[in-house]
Amino acid sequence: MRELKRFSLLAVGLMLLFAANASAGDFAGSSVVFDLDVDITDANEIMTNEGNADSSGLALSAGTGGRFEVEVFITPVPTTPLTSLAINFDIDTLVVELNRFRSESEDGWQDNTDPPGLIVLANTESSGLVEIAYGTGASLSDLDHFGFILPNGYAGTARFQPNRDIPDTEELKIGVTFAAFADTNSVGSSRDTLTVNPALTISSEQVELGGSATATLANYIAPFVINGTSDLIEWTVASIGAAGVDVEGQSGLVFSTGTDVTSIVINSSGSGAAAVDVSVAIGATNLAAPQVVFEEATPVELASFAGEVVEERVVLNWTTGSQTNNAGWRLLRSEDGENYEAVGEFVPGAGTTEELLSYTFDDAELPQSEIVFYVLEQIDLDGSVQLSNPIEVLLGARFQDIPQEFGVNSYPNPFNPSTTVSYDLPSAEQVTIVIYDVLGQEIRRLVDDQKAAGRYNIRWDARDNSGRSVGSGVYIAKIEAGAFSQSQKMLLLK
């Protein structure tokens, strides 16, 4: 009868272990750590994770005489019952094998902190894979008592057996390639799997100057080491630019930490900008995070500003990639490019926003001149003022003949920081102007609108559709208008 009850529990346990992971459970984000110092834990001591390296120098003989044991802990310490644990140790089976996985009480250690009812479900231990179920109560087949809250996160003890003699000068390093945890909240539907594939991440790739970014080493389990010491994490933070960069708690940008320090905070200061690259080296493993750029915030990030003659007025359009404390704009106009005066009414801004917003303004009271210049005067909520670069609009086009053929030009070219794309339309057409990089990827859509016959120009400020600055290189402006199509190469030099 006892054998029948045990089979019932095995069936339930295997169902839990191999069920589909429909959603994250209580053990999402959990990991495993080791404690090599099992031989100094006495019966009355509450176990803690004391370390994962032994540098005393151990000569291990092949077979049973060289066995060693390692405690396995789950971190953070679980607060809900664990029904099962699957773990695959990274071992060279020619050197060592996983002999067994048990609680310490089963090895004769009565410390009152072991998970009772720990049994091995799948025994492929020689290859390093073990799957364990946890249960409480008199009857292990009683589902009401299936699962156990692990004291101090202690999951059990792994015993390893050398397959050949290991001298005291040979380093032995054992890690984990896979771990999965099943909880009791959703029986048969939840399995939290830890992917042990280290990666270095960054909290943000673009940060306002004066702010911080966090680099994190994710999916990393520090191995345990015999006859050696754990690898340190070697951090390198490289900064290019005028802005200041430092790492919180460190005196320099190149430093080492223990394997328990898996994130650093990078602070920025000063003025200008800085492009920062972060990398780590752990033994032979090298990882890099995406680059983070610290830039000074501008009250308004003006993505585009252009004007065109439509019948007897000038239509001005501008787009912002973001706004900070923006009260709004006034349009300033000049006939000589030197003396400006305000035209029209105040255009309200959006305060602070990260949205891409577009604005339009009609200047219907035009002077009798061939050309006019416009500047956007942006006003902050505190009263400070920023001026845009001027644009020019050719008013003489109102009195000139309609263009006889389709034409495109860009100037200046090469350019920095902006260039103007001009085009002539001999007839009314739906016009699109799109900027591409040399790989054919869309960078910026400047125009997508119905246009009357006439002469037009629009400014590109070397930013993409999200308002971010693009790097130096060759870009292609493709202009399509009805049956007309032409591409214009432009070189951005920074």
Protein backbone atom coordinates (compact mmCIF):
# COMPACT_ATOMS: atom_id res chain seq x y z
CA MET A 1 0.00 0.00 0.00
CA ARG A 2 2.83 2.39 0.77
CA GLU A 3 4.25 1.81 -2.69
CA LEU A 4 0.88 2.66 -4.26
CA LYS A 5 0.71 5.94 -2.32
CA ARG A 6 4.20 6.87 -3.39
CA PHE A 7 3.32 6.22 -7.03
CA SER A 8 0.33 8.52 -6.70
CA LEU A 9 2.53 11.36 -5.48
CA LEU A 10 5.06 10.75 -8.25
CA ALA A 11 2.33 11.05 -10.86
CA VAL A 12 1.08 14.33 -9.41
CA GLY A 13 4.62 15.67 -9.10
CA LEU A 14 5.52 14.85 -12.68
CA MET A 15 2.29 16.49 -13.82
CA LEU A 16 3.37 19.65 -11.99
CA LEU A 17 6.88 19.60 -13.33
CA PHE A 18 6.00 19.14 -16.96
CA ALA A 19 2.81 21.20 -17.14
CA ALA A 20 2.69 24.14 -19.51
CA ASN A 21 3.89 27.42 -18.05
CA ALA A 22 0.71 29.37 -18.70
CA SER A 23 1.59 32.26 -16.43
CA ALA A 24 4.20 33.34 -13.92
CA GLY A 25 3.72 32.03 -10.41
CA ASP A 26 5.05 32.83 -6.97
CA PHE A 27 8.61 31.81 -7.89
CA ALA A 28 9.04 34.01 -10.96
CA GLY A 29 12.41 35.74 -10.60
CA SER A 30 13.75 33.18 -8.11
CA SER A 31 17.28 31.83 -8.40
CA VAL A 32 19.60 29.36 -6.65
CA VAL A 33 22.80 29.88 -4.66
CA PHE A 34 25.21 27.45 -2.99
CA ASP A 35 26.97 26.91 0.32
CA LEU A 36 30.09 24.74 0.27
CA ASP A 37 30.71 24.95 4.00
CA VAL A 38 28.33 22.15 4.92
CA ASP A 39 30.87 20.40 7.14
CA ILE A 40 30.88 23.25 9.72
CA THR A 41 27.10 23.49 10.18
CA ASP A 42 26.11 22.01 13.54
CA ALA A 43 22.77 20.59 14.57
CA ASN A 44 21.55 23.71 16.37
CA GLU A 45 22.56 26.31 13.80
CA ILE A 46 20.08 27.90 11.44
CA MET A 47 21.68 27.55 8.03
CA THR A 48 22.65 30.53 5.95
CA ASN A 49 24.33 30.89 2.60
CA GLU A 50 27.93 31.25 3.77
CA GLY A 51 29.80 31.14 0.52
CA ASN A 52 30.37 29.29 -2.73
CA ALA A 53 34.15 28.87 -2.80
CA ASP A 54 36.68 26.70 -0.98
CA SER A 55 40.33 27.78 -1.24
CA SER A 56 41.72 25.39 1.40
CA GLY A 57 43.05 22.90 -1.15
CA LEU A 58 41.21 19.58 -1.27
CA ALA A 59 42.55 16.39 -2.82
CA LEU A 60 39.53 14.32 -3.85
CA SER A 61 39.89 10.65 -4.68
CA ALA A 62 37.73 8.90 -7.24
CA GLY A 63 34.60 7.16 -5.98
CA THR A 64 32.93 7.25 -2.58
CA GLY A 65 36.05 8.38 -0.73
CA GLY A 66 36.08 11.77 -2.48
CA ARG A 67 32.43 12.71 -2.14
CA PHE A 68 31.59 16.28 -1.15
CA GLU A 69 28.28 17.96 -0.35
CA VAL A 70 26.86 21.39 -1.16
CA GLU A 71 23.74 23.04 0.26
CA VAL A 72 21.37 24.56 -2.29
CA PHE A 73 19.31 27.62 -1.36
CA ILE A 74 16.54 29.47 -3.21
CA THR A 75 16.74 33.24 -3.22
CA PRO A 76 14.87 35.36 -2.36
CA VAL A 77 13.67 33.22 0.54
CA PRO A 78 10.25 31.82 -0.49
CA THR A 79 7.16 32.80 1.48
CA THR A 80 4.82 30.38 -0.33
CA PRO A 81 4.96 26.58 -0.60
CA LEU A 82 7.22 24.99 -3.18
CA THR A 83 5.88 21.77 -4.71
CA SER A 84 8.86 20.84 -6.85
CA LEU A 85 12.28 21.93 -8.02
CA ALA A 86 14.13 20.89 -11.17
CA ILE A 87 17.80 21.79 -11.41
CA ASN A 88 20.52 20.89 -13.89
CA PHE A 89 24.12 21.24 -12.70
CA ASP A 90 26.79 22.12 -15.24
CA ILE A 91 29.29 19.30 -14.75
CA ASP A 92 31.91 17.40 -16.75
CA THR A 93 30.81 13.80 -16.18
CA LEU A 94 34.32 12.55 -16.90
CA VAL A 95 35.43 14.43 -13.78
CA VAL A 96 32.47 14.38 -11.40
CA GLU A 97 28.84 13.31 -11.18
CA LEU A 98 25.86 14.27 -9.04
CA ASN A 99 25.51 11.28 -6.72
CA ARG A 100 22.33 12.25 -4.87
CA PHE A 101 20.14 15.12 -3.74
CA ARG A 102 18.67 14.82 -0.25
CA SER A 103 17.75 16.79 2.83
CA GLU A 104 20.31 16.82 5.61
CA SER A 105 18.06 14.88 8.02
CA GLU A 106 18.16 11.98 5.58
CA ASP A 107 21.94 12.02 6.00
CA GLY A 108 21.59 11.86 9.78
CA TRP A 109 21.71 15.61 10.53
CA GLN A 110 18.85 16.55 12.81
CA ASP A 111 18.74 20.36 12.51
CA ASN A 112 14.94 20.70 12.33
CA THR A 113 15.08 22.92 9.25
CA ASP A 114 14.85 20.31 6.51
CA PRO A 115 11.89 20.15 4.14
CA PRO A 116 10.16 16.86 5.05
CA GLY A 117 9.00 14.48 2.37
CA LEU A 118 11.70 15.50 -0.11
CA ILE A 119 11.84 12.80 -2.79
CA VAL A 120 13.60 12.55 -6.13
CA LEU A 121 11.08 12.37 -8.97
CA ALA A 122 13.39 11.97 -11.95
CA ASN A 123 16.78 10.41 -11.34
CA THR A 124 19.27 11.29 -14.05
CA GLU A 125 21.68 12.52 -11.44
CA SER A 126 24.86 11.26 -13.09
CA SER A 127 24.34 13.81 -15.87
CA GLY A 128 23.63 16.60 -13.37
CA LEU A 129 19.83 16.77 -13.71
CA VAL A 130 17.63 16.22 -10.66
CA GLU A 131 13.91 16.85 -10.07
CA ILE A 132 12.59 17.01 -6.51
CA ALA A 133 9.11 17.09 -4.95
CA TYR A 134 8.26 18.48 -1.50
CA GLY A 135 5.43 17.35 0.76
CA THR A 136 4.22 17.59 4.35
CA GLY A 137 1.87 15.58 6.51
CA ALA A 138 1.52 11.92 7.34
CA SER A 139 0.36 10.93 3.89
CA LEU A 140 2.43 12.19 0.98
CA SER A 141 -0.40 11.38 -1.40
CA ASP A 142 -2.62 13.90 0.39
CA LEU A 143 -2.69 16.92 -1.98
CA ASP A 144 -3.70 19.21 0.88
CA HIS A 145 -0.21 18.70 2.26
CA PHE A 146 1.66 18.78 -1.03
CA GLY A 147 4.27 21.50 -1.02
CA PHE A 148 6.48 23.05 1.68
CA ILE A 149 7.58 26.51 2.72
CA LEU A 150 11.36 26.26 2.68
CA PRO A 151 13.03 27.48 5.90
CA ASN A 152 15.65 30.11 5.09
CA GLY A 153 15.31 29.10 1.44
CA TYR A 154 17.12 25.79 2.04
CA ALA A 155 16.09 23.36 -0.75
CA GLY A 156 18.35 20.41 0.00
CA THR A 157 21.90 19.12 -0.21
CA ALA A 158 23.58 17.91 -3.39
CA ARG A 159 26.27 15.24 -3.02
CA PHE A 160 28.87 14.97 -5.77
CA GLN A 161 31.22 12.06 -6.43
CA PRO A 162 34.50 12.37 -8.38
CA ASN A 163 34.92 9.98 -11.31
CA ARG A 164 38.69 10.38 -11.15
CA ASP A 165 41.22 11.66 -8.66
CA ILE A 166 41.23 15.44 -8.33
CA PRO A 167 44.51 16.86 -6.94
CA ASP A 168 44.48 19.81 -4.56
CA THR A 169 45.95 22.01 -7.29
CA GLU A 170 43.09 21.43 -9.75
CA GLU A 171 40.21 23.90 -9.73
CA LEU A 172 36.75 22.39 -9.92
CA LYS A 173 33.90 24.72 -10.86
CA ILE A 174 30.23 23.68 -10.96
CA GLY A 175 27.35 25.93 -11.99
CA VAL A 176 23.72 25.63 -13.08
CA THR A 177 22.35 25.66 -16.62
CA PHE A 178 18.64 25.29 -15.78
CA ALA A 179 16.32 25.65 -12.81
CA ALA A 180 12.53 25.48 -12.60
CA PHE A 181 10.18 25.99 -9.64
CA ALA A 182 6.55 24.92 -9.25
CA ASP A 183 4.23 26.53 -6.69
CA THR A 184 0.87 25.48 -5.26
CA ASN A 185 -1.24 28.44 -6.41
CA SER A 186 -2.22 26.90 -9.74
CA VAL A 187 -1.80 23.14 -9.58
CA GLY A 188 -0.88 21.79 -12.98
CA SER A 189 -0.52 25.15 -14.72
CA SER A 190 2.42 27.04 -13.28
CA ARG A 191 6.14 26.46 -13.61
CA ASP A 192 8.58 29.32 -13.16
CA THR A 193 11.66 28.59 -15.25
CA LEU A 194 14.96 30.39 -14.75
CA THR A 195 16.91 30.79 -17.98
CA VAL A 196 20.59 30.75 -17.10
CA ASN A 197 21.84 32.81 -20.01
CA PRO A 198 23.67 35.83 -18.57
CA ALA A 199 23.01 39.22 -20.16
CA LEU A 200 24.00 42.78 -19.27
CA THR A 201 21.11 45.22 -19.52
CA ILE A 202 20.69 48.98 -19.12
CA SER A 203 17.64 50.65 -17.57
CA SER A 204 17.42 53.31 -20.30
CA GLU A 205 19.31 54.11 -23.48
CA GLN A 206 18.63 57.85 -23.26
CA VAL A 207 18.73 59.77 -19.98
CA GLU A 208 18.44 63.47 -19.21
CA LEU A 209 21.77 64.87 -18.07
CA GLY A 210 21.93 64.88 -14.28
CA GLY A 211 20.02 61.61 -14.12
CA SER A 212 21.15 58.02 -13.62
CA ALA A 213 21.02 54.69 -15.42
CA THR A 214 21.32 51.22 -13.89
CA ALA A 215 23.35 48.44 -15.53
CA THR A 216 22.23 44.98 -14.39
CA LEU A 217 23.77 41.55 -14.86
CA ALA A 218 20.72 39.34 -15.32
CA ASN A 219 20.23 35.57 -15.43
CA TYR A 220 23.54 34.88 -13.72
CA ILE A 221 24.12 32.16 -11.10
CA ALA A 222 27.56 32.22 -9.50
CA PRO A 223 29.03 28.69 -9.60
CA PHE A 224 30.68 27.06 -6.62
CA VAL A 225 34.41 26.40 -6.78
CA ILE A 226 36.69 23.86 -5.10
CA ASN A 227 40.43 24.59 -4.91
CA GLY A 228 39.89 28.13 -6.09
CA THR A 229 37.92 31.32 -5.59
CA SER A 230 34.80 32.61 -7.28
CA ASP A 231 35.39 34.81 -10.31
CA LEU A 232 35.03 38.51 -9.62
CA ILE A 233 32.81 40.60 -11.87
CA GLU A 234 35.11 43.02 -13.70
CA TRP A 235 33.17 46.16 -14.64
CA THR A 236 34.28 48.67 -17.29
CA VAL A 237 32.40 51.93 -17.85
CA ALA A 238 33.70 53.93 -20.86
CA SER A 239 32.45 57.47 -21.43
CA ILE A 240 32.89 59.73 -24.47
CA GLY A 241 31.71 63.34 -24.29
CA ALA A 242 31.93 66.50 -22.21
CA ALA A 243 29.46 65.49 -19.50
CA GLY A 244 30.72 63.97 -16.26
CA VAL A 245 30.06 60.29 -15.46
CA ASP A 246 30.70 58.33 -12.25
CA VAL A 247 29.60 55.02 -10.73
CA GLU A 248 27.83 55.18 -7.39
CA GLY A 249 30.03 53.79 -4.61
CA GLN A 250 33.13 53.43 -6.84
CA SER A 251 36.19 55.65 -7.13
CA GLY A 252 36.74 55.00 -10.82
CA LEU A 253 35.13 53.64 -13.97
CA VAL A 254 37.06 50.34 -14.01
CA PHE A 255 36.57 48.20 -10.90
CA SER A 256 35.78 44.71 -9.57
CA THR A 257 32.92 43.42 -7.42
CA GLY A 258 31.96 40.10 -5.95
CA THR A 259 29.41 37.92 -7.73
CA ASP A 260 26.72 39.11 -5.32
CA VAL A 261 26.87 42.64 -6.82
CA THR A 262 24.94 42.29 -10.07
CA SER A 263 23.96 45.91 -10.71
CA ILE A 264 25.62 49.33 -10.70
CA VAL A 265 24.23 52.88 -10.86
CA ILE A 266 25.82 55.29 -13.34
CA ASN A 267 25.36 58.98 -12.51
CA SER A 268 25.79 61.93 -14.90
CA SER A 269 26.64 65.55 -14.23
CA GLY A 270 28.00 68.74 -15.82
CA SER A 271 26.96 69.99 -19.22
CA GLY A 272 26.93 68.76 -22.79
CA ALA A 273 26.44 65.05 -23.43
CA ALA A 274 28.13 61.70 -22.84
CA ALA A 275 27.82 58.34 -24.60
CA VAL A 276 28.52 55.55 -22.12
CA ASP A 277 29.37 51.90 -22.81
CA VAL A 278 29.20 49.34 -19.99
CA SER A 279 30.74 45.86 -20.10
CA VAL A 280 31.58 43.06 -17.69
CA ALA A 281 34.05 40.19 -17.73
CA ILE A 282 33.47 37.10 -15.57
CA GLY A 283 36.21 34.58 -16.15
CA ALA A 284 36.14 33.91 -19.89
CA THR A 285 32.65 35.41 -20.31
CA ASN A 286 32.39 38.94 -21.71
CA LEU A 287 29.10 40.85 -21.90
CA ALA A 288 28.13 44.35 -23.01
CA ALA A 289 25.01 46.45 -22.42
CA PRO A 290 23.36 48.76 -24.98
CA GLN A 291 24.91 52.23 -25.00
CA VAL A 292 23.31 54.87 -22.77
CA VAL A 293 23.42 58.53 -23.83
CA PHE A 294 23.18 61.33 -21.27
CA GLU A 295 22.04 64.62 -22.86
CA GLU A 296 21.03 68.02 -21.59
CA ALA A 297 17.29 68.52 -21.68
CA THR A 298 16.00 71.31 -23.89
CA PRO A 299 12.73 73.05 -23.07
CA VAL A 300 11.32 71.88 -26.38
CA GLU A 301 12.81 69.32 -28.71
CA LEU A 302 11.87 70.80 -32.08
CA ALA A 303 11.73 67.94 -34.57
CA SER A 304 10.77 70.02 -37.64
CA PHE A 305 9.83 73.56 -38.67
CA ALA A 306 8.78 74.47 -42.21
CA GLY A 307 6.62 76.90 -44.17
CA GLU A 308 5.01 77.01 -47.60
CA VAL A 309 2.91 79.39 -49.66
CA VAL A 310 -0.69 78.20 -50.07
CA GLU A 311 -2.73 80.58 -52.23
CA GLU A 312 -2.39 84.01 -50.57
CA ARG A 313 -0.99 82.91 -47.19
CA VAL A 314 1.98 81.14 -45.65
CA VAL A 315 1.20 77.92 -43.78
CA LEU A 316 3.76 77.20 -41.06
CA ASN A 317 4.08 73.71 -39.55
CA TRP A 318 6.27 72.45 -36.70
CA THR A 319 6.59 69.22 -34.75
CA THR A 320 8.03 68.58 -31.29
CA GLY A 321 9.58 65.31 -30.09
CA SER A 322 9.06 66.33 -26.45
CA GLN A 323 8.25 69.39 -24.34
CA THR A 324 9.38 70.42 -20.86
CA ASN A 325 7.54 73.19 -18.99
CA ASN A 326 6.45 74.67 -22.31
CA ALA A 327 3.94 77.53 -22.11
CA GLY A 328 3.80 77.96 -25.90
CA TRP A 329 5.08 79.87 -28.96
CA ARG A 330 5.02 83.15 -30.76
CA LEU A 331 5.77 83.35 -34.48
CA LEU A 332 8.32 86.04 -35.41
CA ARG A 333 8.63 87.25 -39.01
CA SER A 334 11.30 89.28 -40.81
CA GLU A 335 11.74 90.63 -44.32
CA ASP A 336 15.53 91.06 -44.07
CA GLY A 337 16.51 88.18 -41.77
CA GLU A 338 17.65 90.64 -39.08
CA ASN A 339 14.68 92.52 -37.67
CA TYR A 340 11.79 90.35 -36.44
CA GLU A 341 8.32 91.18 -35.20
CA ALA A 342 5.56 88.98 -33.77
CA VAL A 343 2.72 87.93 -36.06
CA GLY A 344 -0.59 86.33 -35.10
CA GLU A 345 -1.67 85.11 -31.69
CA PHE A 346 0.13 83.12 -29.01
CA VAL A 347 0.08 79.34 -29.69
CA PRO A 348 -0.32 77.36 -26.41
CA GLY A 349 2.13 74.53 -25.67
CA ALA A 350 1.59 71.20 -23.89
CA GLY A 351 3.59 71.81 -20.70
CA THR A 352 5.67 68.66 -20.20
CA THR A 353 5.13 65.66 -22.46
CA GLU A 354 7.03 62.96 -24.34
CA GLU A 355 4.42 62.80 -27.12
CA LEU A 356 5.25 63.68 -30.71
CA LEU A 357 2.98 66.71 -31.35
CA SER A 358 2.34 68.77 -34.48
CA TYR A 359 1.26 72.42 -34.79
CA THR A 360 0.16 74.68 -37.65
CA PHE A 361 -0.17 78.44 -38.09
CA ASP A 362 -1.48 80.52 -41.00
CA ASP A 363 0.13 83.89 -41.77
CA ALA A 364 -2.43 85.57 -44.01
CA GLU A 365 -1.21 89.22 -43.82
CA LEU A 366 1.87 88.91 -46.01
CA PRO A 367 4.23 91.79 -46.86
CA GLN A 368 4.95 92.83 -50.44
CA SER A 369 8.38 91.25 -50.57
CA GLU A 370 9.94 88.37 -52.45
CA ILE A 371 11.04 86.46 -49.35
CA VAL A 372 10.25 86.33 -45.62
CA PHE A 373 11.97 84.68 -42.66
CA TYR A 374 10.27 83.04 -39.69
CA VAL A 375 11.55 82.14 -36.21
CA LEU A 376 9.69 80.23 -33.48
CA GLU A 377 9.94 81.90 -30.09
CA GLN A 378 9.32 79.22 -27.48
CA ILE A 379 8.38 80.47 -24.01
CA ASP A 380 8.76 78.39 -20.83
CA LEU A 381 6.32 78.50 -17.93
CA ASP A 382 8.98 80.40 -15.95
CA GLY A 383 9.21 83.05 -18.69
CA SER A 384 12.55 81.99 -20.24
CA VAL A 385 12.71 82.12 -24.03
CA GLN A 386 14.35 79.91 -26.67
CA LEU A 387 14.57 80.81 -30.39
CA SER A 388 14.58 78.33 -33.26
CA ASN A 389 16.79 78.57 -36.29
CA PRO A 390 15.18 80.77 -38.94
CA ILE A 391 13.47 79.37 -42.02
CA GLU A 392 12.84 81.25 -45.24
CA VAL A 393 9.79 81.20 -47.48
CA LEU A 394 9.87 82.50 -51.04
CA LEU A 395 6.79 84.70 -51.46
CA GLY A 396 7.66 85.58 -55.04
CA ALA A 397 6.39 82.16 -56.01
CA ARG A 398 2.89 83.62 -55.75
CA PHE A 399 3.66 85.80 -58.78
CA GLN A 400 5.74 83.30 -60.71
CA ASP A 401 4.57 80.77 -63.25
CA ILE A 402 3.63 77.32 -62.04
CA PRO A 403 6.66 74.97 -62.41
CA GLN A 404 6.64 73.12 -65.73
CA GLU A 405 8.41 70.01 -64.44
CA PHE A 406 9.03 68.08 -61.27
CA GLY A 407 12.30 68.97 -59.52
CA VAL A 408 14.08 68.17 -56.24
CA ASN A 409 17.10 69.65 -54.48
CA SER A 410 18.60 69.62 -50.97
CA TYR A 411 20.83 72.29 -49.43
CA PRO A 412 23.24 72.45 -47.81
CA ASN A 413 24.72 69.06 -48.69
CA PRO A 414 26.79 67.86 -46.82
CA PHE A 415 25.01 69.32 -43.79
CA ASN A 416 25.08 69.75 -40.03
CA PRO A 417 22.82 70.18 -38.13
CA SER A 418 19.99 70.48 -40.68
CA THR A 419 19.26 70.56 -44.39
CA THR A 420 16.33 71.80 -46.50
CA VAL A 421 14.62 69.68 -49.14
CA SER A 422 13.01 71.82 -51.88
CA TYR A 423 10.72 70.50 -54.61
CA ASP A 424 8.69 71.85 -57.52
CA LEU A 425 5.23 70.49 -58.38
CA PRO A 426 3.85 71.16 -61.86
CA SER A 427 0.41 69.88 -60.76
CA ALA A 428 -1.53 69.11 -57.61
CA GLU A 429 -0.43 65.77 -56.18
CA GLN A 430 -0.32 63.62 -53.06
CA VAL A 431 3.26 64.16 -51.88
CA THR A 432 5.37 61.96 -49.60
CA ILE A 433 8.94 62.72 -48.54
CA VAL A 434 10.64 59.98 -46.52
CA ILE A 435 14.23 59.86 -45.23
CA TYR A 436 15.91 56.42 -45.36
CA ASP A 437 19.29 55.18 -44.18
CA VAL A 438 21.64 53.24 -46.47
CA LEU A 439 20.02 49.95 -45.37
CA GLY A 440 16.64 51.13 -46.64
CA GLN A 441 15.11 51.58 -43.18
CA GLU A 442 12.70 54.49 -42.72
CA ILE A 443 14.22 57.20 -40.51
CA ARG A 444 11.82 60.12 -40.83
CA ARG A 445 8.56 60.85 -42.69
CA LEU A 446 8.69 64.58 -43.46
CA VAL A 447 5.65 65.02 -45.72
CA ASP A 448 2.57 62.91 -46.42
CA ASP A 449 -0.08 65.32 -47.70
CA GLN A 450 -1.98 66.62 -50.72
CA LYS A 451 -0.16 69.64 -52.23
CA ALA A 452 -1.20 72.21 -54.83
CA ALA A 453 1.07 73.00 -57.78
CA GLY A 454 3.93 75.26 -56.75
CA ARG A 455 7.38 75.42 -55.14
CA TYR A 456 7.96 74.01 -51.65
CA ASN A 457 10.72 73.42 -49.14
CA ILE A 458 10.94 71.59 -45.83
CA ARG A 459 13.72 71.37 -43.27
CA TRP A 460 15.10 68.09 -41.84
CA ASP A 461 16.89 68.47 -38.51
CA ALA A 462 18.67 65.06 -38.59
CA ARG A 463 16.19 63.42 -36.20
CA ASP A 464 14.15 60.25 -36.60
CA ASN A 465 10.39 59.74 -36.22
CA SER A 466 10.82 59.54 -32.44
CA GLY A 467 12.70 62.83 -32.25
CA ARG A 468 16.12 61.21 -31.60
CA SER A 469 19.27 62.52 -33.26
CA VAL A 470 20.74 60.24 -35.93
CA GLY A 471 24.43 59.62 -36.46
CA SER A 472 26.79 60.75 -39.22
CA GLY A 473 26.41 59.04 -42.57
CA VAL A 474 24.63 58.95 -45.90
CA TYR A 475 20.84 59.34 -45.93
CA ILE A 476 18.41 59.25 -48.84
CA ALA A 477 15.37 61.51 -49.23
CA LYS A 478 12.78 59.82 -51.44
CA ILE A 479 10.16 62.19 -52.86
CA GLU A 480 7.04 60.79 -54.53
CA ALA A 481 4.32 62.94 -56.10
CA GLY A 482 1.81 61.12 -58.28
CA ALA A 483 3.78 59.55 -61.12
CA PHE A 484 6.89 61.52 -60.17
CA SER A 485 9.55 59.89 -57.99
CA GLN A 486 13.11 60.93 -57.20
CA SER A 487 15.74 60.16 -54.56
CA GLN A 488 18.28 62.59 -53.20
CA LYS A 489 21.44 61.51 -51.35
CA MET A 490 22.45 63.64 -48.38
CA LEU A 491 25.57 63.44 -46.23
CA LEU A 492 25.34 64.26 -42.52
CA LEU A 493 28.69 65.21 -40.95
CA LYS A 494 28.92 65.59 -37.17
